[in-house]
């Protein structure tokens, strides 16, 4: 079953180009029955078919990296809340570790003066 986005995209290509379904199919090199099946949602067009249909209508199909919408004001408020929470945390200094110093560990045995 075709995604509603694919069918609506093909419909928009048809509407904007002013082409009939038969003419769009002819220009794209696809059978009219296949284009009809895409529009009715009975078949799923591949990326190549979508690109061919777009080109037949005089458009170009491009892929862009999707960026999630960010509300800068809301993100700023959340950041302030996180920083306030971090400042409210109790400070606990780390205890000194019981490991020997690295320089002492690298010194060869018996070389101590």
Protein backbone atom coordinates (compact mmCIF):
# COMPACT_ATOMS: atom_id res chain seq x y z
CA UNK A 1 0.00 0.00 0.00
CA UNK A 2 1.36 3.40 -0.97
CA UNK A 3 2.07 6.02 1.60
CA UNK A 4 -0.27 9.00 1.54
CA UNK A 5 2.80 11.23 1.11
CA UNK A 6 3.80 9.56 -2.16
CA UNK A 7 0.29 9.77 -3.60
CA UNK A 8 -0.10 13.39 -2.53
CA UNK A 9 3.34 14.21 -3.97
CA UNK A 10 2.38 12.73 -7.34
CA UNK A 11 -0.96 14.52 -7.20
CA UNK A 12 0.84 17.80 -6.50
CA UNK A 13 3.23 17.20 -9.41
CA UNK A 14 0.20 16.65 -11.65
CA UNK A 15 -1.65 19.71 -10.36
CA UNK A 16 1.31 22.07 -10.56
CA UNK A 17 2.40 20.89 -13.99
CA UNK A 18 -1.13 20.96 -15.40
CA UNK A 19 -0.58 17.58 -17.03
CA UNK A 20 -3.18 14.88 -17.29
CA UNK A 21 -2.48 11.52 -15.71
CA UNK A 22 -1.97 10.00 -19.16
CA UNK A 23 0.47 12.74 -20.24
CA UNK A 24 2.42 12.52 -16.98
CA UNK A 25 2.69 8.76 -17.44
CA UNK A 26 3.78 9.13 -21.09
CA UNK A 27 6.46 11.71 -20.28
CA UNK A 28 7.80 9.68 -17.36
CA UNK A 29 7.89 6.45 -19.38
CA UNK A 30 5.61 4.67 -16.91
CA UNK A 31 2.39 2.89 -17.81
CA UNK A 32 -0.72 4.95 -17.06
CA UNK A 33 -2.10 2.06 -14.98
CA UNK A 34 0.98 2.21 -12.74
CA UNK A 35 0.66 5.97 -12.22
CA UNK A 36 -3.01 5.43 -11.43
CA UNK A 37 -2.12 2.72 -8.91
CA UNK A 38 0.34 5.13 -7.25
CA UNK A 39 -2.32 7.82 -7.03
CA UNK A 40 -4.92 5.39 -5.63
CA UNK A 41 -2.48 4.01 -3.08
CA UNK A 42 -2.48 0.47 -4.45
CA UNK A 43 1.25 0.53 -5.29
CA UNK A 44 4.33 2.04 -3.67
CA UNK A 45 6.51 4.09 -6.00
CA UNK A 46 10.25 3.75 -5.62
CA UNK A 47 12.62 6.70 -5.50
CA UNK A 48 13.43 6.28 -9.20
CA UNK A 49 9.75 6.33 -10.18
CA UNK A 50 9.13 9.43 -8.06
CA UNK A 51 12.12 11.16 -9.62
CA UNK A 52 10.92 10.26 -13.12
CA UNK A 53 7.43 11.56 -12.38
CA UNK A 54 8.83 14.78 -10.92
CA UNK A 55 11.09 15.30 -13.95
CA UNK A 56 8.17 14.60 -16.30
CA UNK A 57 6.24 17.37 -14.55
CA UNK A 58 9.18 19.76 -14.80
CA UNK A 59 10.37 19.41 -11.21
CA UNK A 60 13.43 18.01 -9.50
CA UNK A 61 13.29 15.56 -6.62
CA UNK A 62 15.99 16.23 -4.02
CA UNK A 63 16.88 14.74 -0.68
CA UNK A 64 17.82 17.08 2.14
CA UNK A 65 18.97 16.19 5.60
CA UNK A 66 16.03 16.64 7.89
CA UNK A 67 16.55 18.90 10.85
CA UNK A 68 14.16 18.63 13.73
CA UNK A 69 12.42 21.89 14.47
CA UNK A 70 13.91 23.59 17.51
CA UNK A 71 12.17 26.31 19.43
CA UNK A 72 15.15 28.40 20.53
CA UNK A 73 13.20 30.11 23.31
CA UNK A 74 12.01 26.82 24.82
CA UNK A 75 15.47 25.27 24.48
CA UNK A 76 16.94 28.28 26.30
CA UNK A 77 14.47 27.92 29.18
CA UNK A 78 15.26 24.22 29.50
CA UNK A 79 18.99 24.94 29.50
CA UNK A 80 18.56 27.49 32.30
CA UNK A 81 16.58 24.92 34.32
CA UNK A 82 19.27 22.27 33.83
CA UNK A 83 22.02 24.67 34.88
CA UNK A 84 20.05 25.75 37.97
CA UNK A 85 19.55 22.11 38.92
CA UNK A 86 23.25 21.41 38.43
CA UNK A 87 24.17 24.32 40.69
CA UNK A 88 21.75 23.06 43.36
CA UNK A 89 23.47 19.67 43.56
CA UNK A 90 25.58 19.20 46.69
CA UNK A 91 29.32 19.47 46.15
CA UNK A 92 31.26 16.41 47.19
CA UNK A 93 34.98 16.56 46.54
CA UNK A 94 36.40 13.36 45.21
CA UNK A 95 38.55 11.45 47.63
CA UNK A 96 42.19 11.09 46.77
CA UNK A 97 42.83 7.91 44.88
CA UNK A 98 45.09 5.31 46.49
CA UNK A 99 47.03 4.65 43.29
CA UNK A 100 50.79 5.30 43.17
CA UNK A 101 51.93 8.18 41.04
CA UNK A 102 52.58 7.34 37.42
CA UNK A 103 56.22 8.48 37.63
CA UNK A 104 56.80 6.08 40.56
CA UNK A 105 55.24 3.23 38.65
CA UNK A 106 57.38 3.82 35.56
CA UNK A 107 60.65 3.96 37.48
CA UNK A 108 62.57 0.67 37.09
CA UNK A 109 62.82 -1.52 40.19
CA UNK A 110 66.00 -1.07 42.19
CA UNK A 111 66.82 2.23 40.42
CA UNK A 112 65.66 4.30 43.39
CA UNK A 113 68.52 6.28 44.93
